[in-house]
Amino acid sequence: MKKTVITIAITALLTAVLMISGYFIYTKIINKDNNANSNMIKKNENNSENVENQIPNDIKNISLEEWRKVIALFYKEHYGYKPDNITCTEVGPNIIYVTIYHNTELVAEYTLDAETGIASSPTERTANFFKGIFLDNLSTKVNFKNNECIAIGYIEKGKEAQIKEKYFNSDIEYESLTTVVEGDEYQFIVIPKSLDATLRIWKYNVSENGELYSEELLLEAVGTPLLIKTQCTEVFPRVGVEYEFGDTKFTIPLMISGMDGKFTITDYKNLVKDISIY
């Protein structure tokens, strides 16, 4: 009887040991699987975020979906959030109309040049989405005097290096300028004094009666230097620059004199600084 009791006790003890050992082994395996699954989820999340944050190396042939990602990253870096919705609509050759929505509200509208990445807006700071920088903080070396509020200069072909050296701190600043192309014969540089000034670039045409009129708004930008390329402007101006800041508003047609080949300023001479290099 005593032997039987001892046998039963030993058997119960061994059973308990086996059950406890099995429980620890099972728990270890489960924890290992859970950790592995957790690490896999984190890895997938990181990979997904890396893909989302990946910007194409070449600006050529970027799709509209890729532009949405580029713009979202720009807003995340500079404004601290990614917009809820970004729409990109192609409205012309290499021209994209961009709308930014956040919390169901329209935040901003841009006209994006898909060849350069430069985005202009009537209300927001001009930026290069592809390079991830604002362009209205480009520092120039123009020395404005008295009532001068805008600098305009005609750049003769072959004199670009002199403009860069005299009025910009680096070649990169000059090459990052927002560019308006309405021809290729003449080029002008336009630099507002204030970062809050609005510049509008108008395309001109002549009516049958010989009257000059504004045909199309080519660009509207706030506080950023511009490079304008246009056709022959000796007979009549093809492009005009409208300046607006506070109570000051005026328009300067971009014309070259047929007499001496120099930039012609007929009005607002006290407000415009001529920085042409001949």
C-alpha atoms as a PDB file:
ATOM      1  CA  MET A   1       0.000   0.000   0.000  1.00  0.00           C
ATOM      2  CA  LYS A   2       2.803   2.371   0.959  1.00  0.00           C
ATOM      3  CA  LYS A   3       4.646   1.488  -2.246  1.00  0.00           C
ATOM      4  CA  THR A   4       1.575   2.240  -4.304  1.00  0.00           C
ATOM      5  CA  VAL A   5       1.155   5.666  -2.691  1.00  0.00           C
ATOM      6  CA  ILE A   6       4.796   6.508  -3.355  1.00  0.00           C
ATOM      7  CA  THR A   7       4.432   5.440  -7.002  1.00  0.00           C
ATOM      8  CA  ILE A   8       1.342   7.591  -7.439  1.00  0.00           C
ATOM      9  CA  ALA A   9       3.104  10.571  -5.851  1.00  0.00           C
ATOM     10  CA  ILE A  10       6.135  10.193  -8.097  1.00  0.00           C
ATOM     11  CA  THR A  11       3.911   9.850 -11.155  1.00  0.00           C
ATOM     12  CA  ALA A  12       1.960  12.998 -10.218  1.00  0.00           C
ATOM     13  CA  LEU A  13       5.197  14.887  -9.635  1.00  0.00           C
ATOM     14  CA  LEU A  14       6.622  13.879 -13.018  1.00  0.00           C
ATOM     15  CA  THR A  15       3.356  14.812 -14.711  1.00  0.00           C
ATOM     16  CA  ALA A  16       3.418  18.239 -13.055  1.00  0.00           C
ATOM     17  CA  VAL A  17       7.033  18.772 -14.120  1.00  0.00           C
ATOM     18  CA  LEU A  18       6.249  17.817 -17.695  1.00  0.00           C
ATOM     19  CA  MET A  19       3.206  20.098 -17.784  1.00  0.00           C
ATOM     20  CA  ILE A  20       5.164  23.058 -16.387  1.00  0.00           C
ATOM     21  CA  SER A  21       8.052  22.440 -18.802  1.00  0.00           C
ATOM     22  CA  GLY A  22       5.638  22.160 -21.696  1.00  0.00           C
ATOM     23  CA  TYR A  23       3.950  25.417 -20.685  1.00  0.00           C
ATOM     24  CA  PHE A  24       7.252  27.345 -20.613  1.00  0.00           C
ATOM     25  CA  ILE A  25       8.355  25.865 -23.944  1.00  0.00           C
ATOM     26  CA  TYR A  26       4.967  26.732 -25.505  1.00  0.00           C
ATOM     27  CA  THR A  27       5.076  30.264 -24.064  1.00  0.00           C
ATOM     28  CA  LYS A  28       8.591  30.798 -25.409  1.00  0.00           C
ATOM     29  CA  ILE A  29       7.594  29.650 -28.876  1.00  0.00           C
ATOM     30  CA  ILE A  30       4.483  31.863 -28.893  1.00  0.00           C
ATOM     31  CA  ASN A  31       6.463  34.884 -27.716  1.00  0.00           C
ATOM     32  CA  LYS A  32       9.092  34.241 -30.360  1.00  0.00           C
ATOM     33  CA  ASP A  33       6.416  34.071 -33.072  1.00  0.00           C
ATOM     34  CA  ASN A  34       4.730  37.212 -31.761  1.00  0.00           C
ATOM     35  CA  ASN A  35       8.039  39.087 -31.716  1.00  0.00           C
ATOM     36  CA  ALA A  36       8.804  37.899 -35.213  1.00  0.00           C
ATOM     37  CA  ASN A  37       5.369  39.011 -36.439  1.00  0.00           C
ATOM     38  CA  SER A  38       5.749  42.363 -34.662  1.00  0.00           C
ATOM     39  CA  ASN A  39       9.174  42.921 -36.206  1.00  0.00           C
ATOM     40  CA  MET A  40       7.813  41.940 -39.610  1.00  0.00           C
ATOM     41  CA  ILE A  41       4.938  44.437 -39.273  1.00  0.00           C
ATOM     42  CA  LYS A  42       7.341  47.203 -38.220  1.00  0.00           C
ATOM     43  CA  LYS A  43       9.659  46.336 -41.093  1.00  0.00           C
ATOM     44  CA  ASN A  44       6.773  46.449 -43.561  1.00  0.00           C
ATOM     45  CA  GLU A  45       5.612  49.776 -42.116  1.00  0.00           C
ATOM     46  CA  ASN A  46       9.122  51.200 -42.429  1.00  0.00           C
ATOM     47  CA  ASN A  47       9.444  49.911 -45.975  1.00  0.00           C
ATOM     48  CA  SER A  48       6.079  51.432 -46.845  1.00  0.00           C
ATOM     49  CA  GLU A  49       7.116  54.768 -45.340  1.00  0.00           C
ATOM     50  CA  ASN A  50      10.447  54.677 -47.184  1.00  0.00           C
ATOM     51  CA  VAL A  51       8.648  54.054 -50.472  1.00  0.00           C
ATOM     52  CA  GLU A  52       6.233  56.892 -49.700  1.00  0.00           C
ATOM     53  CA  ASN A  53       9.127  59.234 -48.900  1.00  0.00           C
ATOM     54  CA  GLN A  54      11.180  58.293 -51.948  1.00  0.00           C
ATOM     55  CA  ILE A  55      11.604  61.168 -54.415  1.00  0.00           C
ATOM     56  CA  PRO A  56      12.531  60.403 -58.046  1.00  0.00           C
ATOM     57  CA  ASN A  57      16.123  61.266 -58.913  1.00  0.00           C
ATOM     58  CA  ASP A  58      15.255  62.647 -62.340  1.00  0.00           C
ATOM     59  CA  ILE A  59      12.561  65.274 -62.865  1.00  0.00           C
ATOM     60  CA  LYS A  60      11.892  64.054 -66.395  1.00  0.00           C
ATOM     61  CA  ASN A  61       8.760  61.956 -66.923  1.00  0.00           C
ATOM     62  CA  ILE A  62       7.527  62.214 -63.325  1.00  0.00           C
ATOM     63  CA  SER A  63       3.937  60.973 -63.174  1.00  0.00           C
ATOM     64  CA  LEU A  64       1.116  62.938 -61.576  1.00  0.00           C
ATOM     65  CA  GLU A  65       1.000  60.403 -58.730  1.00  0.00           C
ATOM     66  CA  GLU A  66       4.711  60.932 -58.086  1.00  0.00           C
ATOM     67  CA  TRP A  67       4.194  64.709 -58.083  1.00  0.00           C
ATOM     68  CA  ARG A  68       1.529  64.242 -55.402  1.00  0.00           C
ATOM     69  CA  LYS A  69       4.060  62.390 -53.257  1.00  0.00           C
ATOM     70  CA  VAL A  70       6.737  65.048 -53.869  1.00  0.00           C
ATOM     71  CA  ILE A  71       4.346  67.841 -52.871  1.00  0.00           C
ATOM     72  CA  ALA A  72       3.171  65.936 -49.780  1.00  0.00           C
ATOM     73  CA  LEU A  73       6.778  65.565 -48.625  1.00  0.00           C
ATOM     74  CA  PHE A  74       7.413  69.275 -49.269  1.00  0.00           C
ATOM     75  CA  TYR A  75       4.462  70.214 -47.067  1.00  0.00           C
ATOM     76  CA  LYS A  76       5.546  67.729 -44.388  1.00  0.00           C
ATOM     77  CA  GLU A  77       9.054  69.207 -44.293  1.00  0.00           C
ATOM     78  CA  HIS A  78       8.133  72.901 -44.428  1.00  0.00           C
ATOM     79  CA  TYR A  79       4.679  73.060 -42.832  1.00  0.00           C
ATOM     80  CA  GLY A  80       4.769  70.064 -40.482  1.00  0.00           C
ATOM     81  CA  TYR A  81       1.892  68.075 -41.999  1.00  0.00           C
ATOM     82  CA  LYS A  82       0.926  66.082 -45.052  1.00  0.00           C
ATOM     83  CA  PRO A  83      -2.208  67.435 -46.759  1.00  0.00           C
ATOM     84  CA  ASP A  84      -5.271  65.175 -46.756  1.00  0.00           C
ATOM     85  CA  ASN A  85      -5.735  65.525 -50.481  1.00  0.00           C
ATOM     86  CA  ILE A  86      -3.549  66.801 -53.325  1.00  0.00           C
ATOM     87  CA  THR A  87      -4.900  66.999 -56.854  1.00  0.00           C
ATOM     88  CA  CYS A  88      -2.641  67.361 -59.888  1.00  0.00           C
ATOM     89  CA  THR A  89      -4.220  68.130 -63.247  1.00  0.00           C
ATOM     90  CA  GLU A  90      -2.254  68.536 -66.458  1.00  0.00           C
ATOM     91  CA  VAL A  91      -3.527  71.714 -68.134  1.00  0.00           C
ATOM     92  CA  GLY A  92      -0.874  72.164 -70.812  1.00  0.00           C
ATOM     93  CA  PRO A  93       2.518  70.939 -72.001  1.00  0.00           C
ATOM     94  CA  ASN A  94       4.537  70.417 -68.793  1.00  0.00           C
ATOM     95  CA  ILE A  95       2.072  72.609 -66.847  1.00  0.00           C
ATOM     96  CA  ILE A  96       0.237  71.108 -63.860  1.00  0.00           C
ATOM     97  CA  TYR A  97      -2.555  72.743 -61.866  1.00  0.00           C
ATOM     98  CA  VAL A  98      -2.218  71.742 -58.201  1.00  0.00           C
ATOM     99  CA  THR A  99      -4.772  72.070 -55.400  1.00  0.00           C
ATOM    100  CA  ILE A 100      -4.007  71.356 -51.739  1.00  0.00           C
ATOM    101  CA  TYR A 101      -6.795  70.313 -49.354  1.00  0.00           C
ATOM    102  CA  HIS A 102      -6.518  69.724 -45.611  1.00  0.00           C
ATOM    103  CA  ASN A 103      -9.343  69.134 -43.128  1.00  0.00           C
ATOM    104  CA  THR A 104     -11.736  69.435 -46.097  1.00  0.00           C
ATOM    105  CA  GLU A 105     -10.601  73.038 -46.722  1.00  0.00           C
ATOM    106  CA  LEU A 106      -8.781  74.372 -49.779  1.00  0.00           C
ATOM    107  CA  VAL A 107      -5.344  75.395 -48.513  1.00  0.00           C
ATOM    108  CA  ALA A 108      -3.562  76.500 -51.671  1.00  0.00           C
ATOM    109  CA  GLU A 109      -3.498  76.458 -55.463  1.00  0.00           C
ATOM    110  CA  TYR A 110      -0.346  76.318 -57.570  1.00  0.00           C
ATOM    111  CA  THR A 111       0.720  76.365 -61.185  1.00  0.00           C
ATOM    112  CA  LEU A 112       3.549  73.847 -61.419  1.00  0.00           C
ATOM    113  CA  ASP A 113       6.174  73.780 -64.171  1.00  0.00           C
ATOM    114  CA  ALA A 114       6.883  70.066 -64.544  1.00  0.00           C
ATOM    115  CA  GLU A 115      10.196  70.719 -66.310  1.00  0.00           C
ATOM    116  CA  THR A 116      11.715  72.758 -63.467  1.00  0.00           C
ATOM    117  CA  GLY A 117       9.630  71.844 -60.410  1.00  0.00           C
ATOM    118  CA  ILE A 118       8.887  75.534 -59.806  1.00  0.00           C
ATOM    119  CA  ALA A 119       5.409  76.198 -58.400  1.00  0.00           C
ATOM    120  CA  SER A 120       3.858  79.666 -58.294  1.00  0.00           C
ATOM    121  CA  SER A 121       0.736  80.754 -56.448  1.00  0.00           C
ATOM    122  CA  PRO A 122      -1.181  84.024 -56.040  1.00  0.00           C
ATOM    123  CA  THR A 123      -1.345  83.465 -52.261  1.00  0.00           C
ATOM    124  CA  GLU A 124       1.569  81.197 -51.307  1.00  0.00           C
ATOM    125  CA  ARG A 125       5.330  81.490 -51.393  1.00  0.00           C
ATOM    126  CA  THR A 126       6.939  80.500 -54.679  1.00  0.00           C
ATOM    127  CA  ALA A 127       8.724  77.180 -54.318  1.00  0.00           C
ATOM    128  CA  ASN A 128      10.587  74.486 -56.177  1.00  0.00           C
ATOM    129  CA  PHE A 129       8.770  71.331 -55.104  1.00  0.00           C
ATOM    130  CA  PHE A 130      11.325  69.015 -56.714  1.00  0.00           C
ATOM    131  CA  LYS A 131      14.321  70.625 -54.980  1.00  0.00           C
ATOM    132  CA  GLY A 132      12.341  71.103 -51.767  1.00  0.00           C
ATOM    133  CA  ILE A 133      13.112  74.802 -51.350  1.00  0.00           C
ATOM    134  CA  PHE A 134      11.338  78.152 -51.269  1.00  0.00           C
ATOM    135  CA  LEU A 135      12.443  80.603 -53.952  1.00  0.00           C
ATOM    136  CA  ASP A 136      11.286  83.846 -52.379  1.00  0.00           C
ATOM    137  CA  ASN A 137      14.189  83.779 -49.939  1.00  0.00           C
ATOM    138  CA  LEU A 138      16.777  83.933 -52.703  1.00  0.00           C
ATOM    139  CA  SER A 139      19.111  86.687 -51.613  1.00  0.00           C
ATOM    140  CA  THR A 140      20.154  89.185 -54.275  1.00  0.00           C
ATOM    141  CA  LYS A 141      22.727  91.941 -54.140  1.00  0.00           C
ATOM    142  CA  VAL A 142      20.523  94.671 -55.602  1.00  0.00           C
ATOM    143  CA  ASN A 143      20.932  97.944 -53.703  1.00  0.00           C
ATOM    144  CA  PHE A 144      17.573  99.739 -53.793  1.00  0.00           C
ATOM    145  CA  LYS A 145      17.535 103.494 -53.169  1.00  0.00           C
ATOM    146  CA  ASN A 146      14.843 105.955 -52.108  1.00  0.00           C
ATOM    147  CA  ASN A 147      11.447 104.929 -53.527  1.00  0.00           C
ATOM    148  CA  GLU A 148      12.746 102.135 -55.769  1.00  0.00           C
ATOM    149  CA  CYS A 149      10.667  99.012 -55.174  1.00  0.00           C
ATOM    150  CA  ILE A 150      11.472  96.819 -58.167  1.00  0.00           C
ATOM    151  CA  ALA A 151      14.586  96.163 -60.231  1.00  0.00           C
ATOM    152  CA  ILE A 152      14.315  95.287 -63.917  1.00  0.00           C
ATOM    153  CA  GLY A 153      17.223  94.566 -66.202  1.00  0.00           C
ATOM    154  CA  TYR A 154      17.685  93.664 -69.841  1.00  0.00           C
ATOM    155  CA  ILE A 155      20.287  90.926 -70.286  1.00  0.00           C
ATOM    156  CA  GLU A 156      22.137  90.933 -73.574  1.00  0.00           C
ATOM    157  CA  LYS A 157      23.027  87.483 -74.838  1.00  0.00           C
ATOM    158  CA  GLY A 158      26.404  86.464 -73.505  1.00  0.00           C
ATOM    159  CA  LYS A 159      26.111  88.758 -70.445  1.00  0.00           C
ATOM    160  CA  GLU A 160      24.437  86.198 -68.164  1.00  0.00           C
ATOM    161  CA  ALA A 161      27.649  85.571 -66.212  1.00  0.00           C
ATOM    162  CA  GLN A 162      27.915  89.281 -65.373  1.00  0.00           C
ATOM    163  CA  ILE A 163      24.328  89.348 -64.075  1.00  0.00           C
ATOM    164  CA  LYS A 164      25.024  86.316 -61.897  1.00  0.00           C
ATOM    165  CA  GLU A 165      28.205  87.810 -60.481  1.00  0.00           C
ATOM    166  CA  LYS A 166      26.830  91.316 -59.886  1.00  0.00           C
ATOM    167  CA  TYR A 167      23.386  90.600 -58.459  1.00  0.00           C
ATOM    168  CA  PHE A 168      23.411  87.018 -57.123  1.00  0.00           C
ATOM    169  CA  ASN A 169      25.484  85.190 -54.547  1.00  0.00           C
ATOM    170  CA  SER A 170      25.863  81.992 -56.567  1.00  0.00           C
ATOM    171  CA  ASP A 171      25.105  80.387 -59.918  1.00  0.00           C
ATOM    172  CA  ILE A 172      22.583  78.118 -58.181  1.00  0.00           C
ATOM    173  CA  GLU A 173      20.459  81.101 -57.123  1.00  0.00           C
ATOM    174  CA  TYR A 174      20.355  82.396 -60.688  1.00  0.00           C
ATOM    175  CA  GLU A 175      19.610  78.973 -62.146  1.00  0.00           C
ATOM    176  CA  SER A 176      16.774  78.476 -59.618  1.00  0.00           C
ATOM    177  CA  LEU A 177      14.907  81.565 -60.786  1.00  0.00           C
ATOM    178  CA  THR A 178      11.270  81.181 -61.769  1.00  0.00           C
ATOM    179  CA  THR A 179      11.330  81.526 -65.561  1.00  0.00           C
ATOM    180  CA  VAL A 180       8.588  82.829 -67.846  1.00  0.00           C
ATOM    181  CA  VAL A 181       9.083  81.809 -71.471  1.00  0.00           C
ATOM    182  CA  GLU A 182       7.242  83.770 -74.165  1.00  0.00           C
ATOM    183  CA  GLY A 183       9.969  83.623 -76.791  1.00  0.00           C
ATOM    184  CA  ASP A 184      13.748  83.376 -76.915  1.00  0.00           C
ATOM    185  CA  GLU A 185      15.096  86.598 -78.461  1.00  0.00           C
ATOM    186  CA  TYR A 186      15.283  88.812 -75.367  1.00  0.00           C
ATOM    187  CA  GLN A 187      15.601  88.127 -71.666  1.00  0.00           C
ATOM    188  CA  PHE A 188      14.910  90.293 -68.627  1.00  0.00           C
ATOM    189  CA  ILE A 189      15.550  89.913 -64.921  1.00  0.00           C
ATOM    190  CA  VAL A 190      12.890  91.176 -62.487  1.00  0.00           C
ATOM    191  CA  ILE A 191      13.584  91.504 -58.743  1.00  0.00           C
ATOM    192  CA  PRO A 192      11.064  92.928 -56.247  1.00  0.00           C
ATOM    193  CA  LYS A 193      12.372  94.683 -53.152  1.00  0.00           C
ATOM    194  CA  SER A 194       9.748  93.189 -50.814  1.00  0.00           C
ATOM    195  CA  LEU A 195       9.099  89.482 -50.293  1.00  0.00           C
ATOM    196  CA  ASP A 196       5.412  90.380 -49.954  1.00  0.00           C
ATOM    197  CA  ALA A 197       5.140  92.138 -53.314  1.00  0.00           C
ATOM    198  CA  THR A 198       3.003  90.507 -56.009  1.00  0.00           C
ATOM    199  CA  LEU A 199       4.290  90.270 -59.574  1.00  0.00           C
ATOM    200  CA  ARG A 200       2.022  89.529 -62.518  1.00  0.00           C
ATOM    201  CA  ILE A 201       3.458  88.842 -65.952  1.00  0.00           C
ATOM    202  CA  TRP A 202       1.094  89.760 -68.781  1.00  0.00           C
ATOM    203  CA  LYS A 203       1.249  88.802 -72.437  1.00  0.00           C
ATOM    204  CA  TYR A 204       0.427  91.724 -74.736  1.00  0.00           C
ATOM    205  CA  ASN A 205      -1.121  91.901 -78.181  1.00  0.00           C
ATOM    206  CA  VAL A 206      -2.197  94.656 -80.558  1.00  0.00           C
ATOM    207  CA  SER A 207      -5.749  95.127 -81.817  1.00  0.00           C
ATOM    208  CA  GLU A 208      -6.698  95.920 -85.409  1.00  0.00           C
ATOM    209  CA  ASN A 209      -6.883  99.562 -84.384  1.00  0.00           C
ATOM    210  CA  GLY A 210      -3.294  99.448 -83.172  1.00  0.00           C
ATOM    211  CA  GLU A 211      -4.226  99.494 -79.469  1.00  0.00           C
ATOM    212  CA  LEU A 212      -2.118  97.514 -77.009  1.00  0.00           C
ATOM    213  CA  TYR A 213      -4.052  95.206 -74.675  1.00  0.00           C
ATOM    214  CA  SER A 214      -3.363  92.486 -72.114  1.00  0.00           C
ATOM    215  CA  GLU A 215      -4.134  89.169 -73.748  1.00  0.00           C
ATOM    216  CA  GLU A 216      -3.161  86.616 -71.089  1.00  0.00           C
ATOM    217  CA  LEU A 217      -1.820  86.356 -67.550  1.00  0.00           C
ATOM    218  CA  LEU A 218       1.322  84.239 -67.850  1.00  0.00           C
ATOM    219  CA  LEU A 219       2.339  84.115 -64.201  1.00  0.00           C
ATOM    220  CA  GLU A 220       1.455  85.502 -60.789  1.00  0.00           C
ATOM    221  CA  ALA A 221       4.050  85.174 -58.044  1.00  0.00           C
ATOM    222  CA  VAL A 222       4.709  86.617 -54.607  1.00  0.00           C
ATOM    223  CA  GLY A 223       8.083  88.021 -53.584  1.00  0.00           C
ATOM    224  CA  THR A 224      10.327  86.079 -55.921  1.00  0.00           C
ATOM    225  CA  PRO A 225      12.842  87.174 -58.597  1.00  0.00           C
ATOM    226  CA  LEU A 226      11.882  86.235 -62.149  1.00  0.00           C
ATOM    227  CA  LEU A 227      13.656  85.560 -65.410  1.00  0.00           C
ATOM    228  CA  ILE A 228      11.540  86.490 -68.444  1.00  0.00           C
ATOM    229  CA  LYS A 229      12.281  85.384 -71.992  1.00  0.00           C
ATOM    230  CA  THR A 230      10.346  87.040 -74.801  1.00  0.00           C
ATOM    231  CA  GLN A 231      10.218  87.783 -78.520  1.00  0.00           C
ATOM    232  CA  CYS A 232      11.210  90.999 -80.299  1.00  0.00           C
ATOM    233  CA  THR A 233      10.057  93.990 -78.264  1.00  0.00           C
ATOM    234  CA  GLU A 234      11.271  96.934 -80.355  1.00  0.00           C
ATOM    235  CA  VAL A 235       7.984  97.716 -82.154  1.00  0.00           C
ATOM    236  CA  PHE A 236       5.630  97.013 -79.246  1.00  0.00           C
ATOM    237  CA  PRO A 237       6.032  95.138 -75.931  1.00  0.00           C
ATOM    238  CA  ARG A 238       5.134  91.459 -75.940  1.00  0.00           C
ATOM    239  CA  VAL A 239       5.256  91.174 -72.153  1.00  0.00           C
ATOM    240  CA  GLY A 240       4.571  93.514 -69.237  1.00  0.00           C
ATOM    241  CA  VAL A 241       5.344  93.322 -65.500  1.00  0.00           C
ATOM    242  CA  GLU A 242       2.649  94.387 -63.062  1.00  0.00           C
ATOM    243  CA  TYR A 243       3.874  95.242 -59.545  1.00  0.00           C
ATOM    244  CA  GLU A 244       1.570  95.435 -56.520  1.00  0.00           C
ATOM    245  CA  PHE A 245       2.386  95.987 -52.868  1.00  0.00           C
ATOM    246  CA  GLY A 246       0.218  97.870 -50.423  1.00  0.00           C
ATOM    247  CA  ASP A 247      -1.162 100.982 -52.116  1.00  0.00           C
ATOM    248  CA  THR A 248       1.437 100.859 -54.890  1.00  0.00           C
ATOM    249  CA  LYS A 249       0.399  99.283 -58.166  1.00  0.00           C
ATOM    250  CA  PHE A 250       1.766  99.863 -61.659  1.00  0.00           C
ATOM    251  CA  THR A 251       2.745  98.060 -64.860  1.00  0.00           C
ATOM    252  CA  ILE A 252       6.009  98.276 -66.799  1.00  0.00           C
ATOM    253  CA  PRO A 253       6.011  97.074 -70.442  1.00  0.00           C
ATOM    254  CA  LEU A 254       9.273  95.351 -71.323  1.00  0.00           C
ATOM    255  CA  MET A 255      10.598  97.177 -74.375  1.00  0.00           C
ATOM    256  CA  ILE A 256      13.959  97.621 -76.050  1.00  0.00           C
ATOM    257  CA  SER A 257      14.734 100.919 -77.798  1.00  0.00           C
ATOM    258  CA  GLY A 258      15.204 100.654 -81.530  1.00  0.00           C
ATOM    259  CA  MET A 259      17.686 103.537 -81.322  1.00  0.00           C
ATOM    260  CA  ASP A 260      20.295 102.274 -78.887  1.00  0.00           C
ATOM    261  CA  GLY A 261      19.104  98.732 -78.032  1.00  0.00           C
ATOM    262  CA  LYS A 262      18.595  99.575 -74.346  1.00  0.00           C
ATOM    263  CA  PHE A 263      15.754  98.859 -71.953  1.00  0.00           C
ATOM    264  CA  THR A 264      13.117 101.604 -72.186  1.00  0.00           C
ATOM    265  CA  ILE A 265      11.401 102.889 -69.042  1.00  0.00           C
ATOM    266  CA  THR A 266       8.821 105.547 -69.884  1.00  0.00           C
ATOM    267  CA  ASP A 267       6.867 105.748 -66.607  1.00  0.00           C
ATOM    268  CA  TYR A 268       7.493 105.180 -62.879  1.00  0.00           C
ATOM    269  CA  LYS A 269      11.207 105.863 -63.249  1.00  0.00           C
ATOM    270  CA  ASN A 270      11.456 106.758 -59.562  1.00  0.00           C
ATOM    271  CA  LEU A 271      10.081 103.325 -58.591  1.00  0.00           C
ATOM    272  CA  VAL A 272      12.046 101.152 -61.014  1.00  0.00           C
ATOM    273  CA  LYS A 273      15.774 100.451 -60.743  1.00  0.00           C
ATOM    274  CA  ASP A 274      17.386  99.659 -64.080  1.00  0.00           C
ATOM    275  CA  ILE A 275      19.959  96.882 -63.575  1.00  0.00           C
ATOM    276  CA  SER A 276      20.556  96.148 -67.266  1.00  0.00           C
ATOM    277  CA  ILE A 277      24.007  95.060 -68.364  1.00  0.00           C
ATOM    278  CA  TYR A 278      25.035  95.953 -71.925  1.00  0.00           C
END
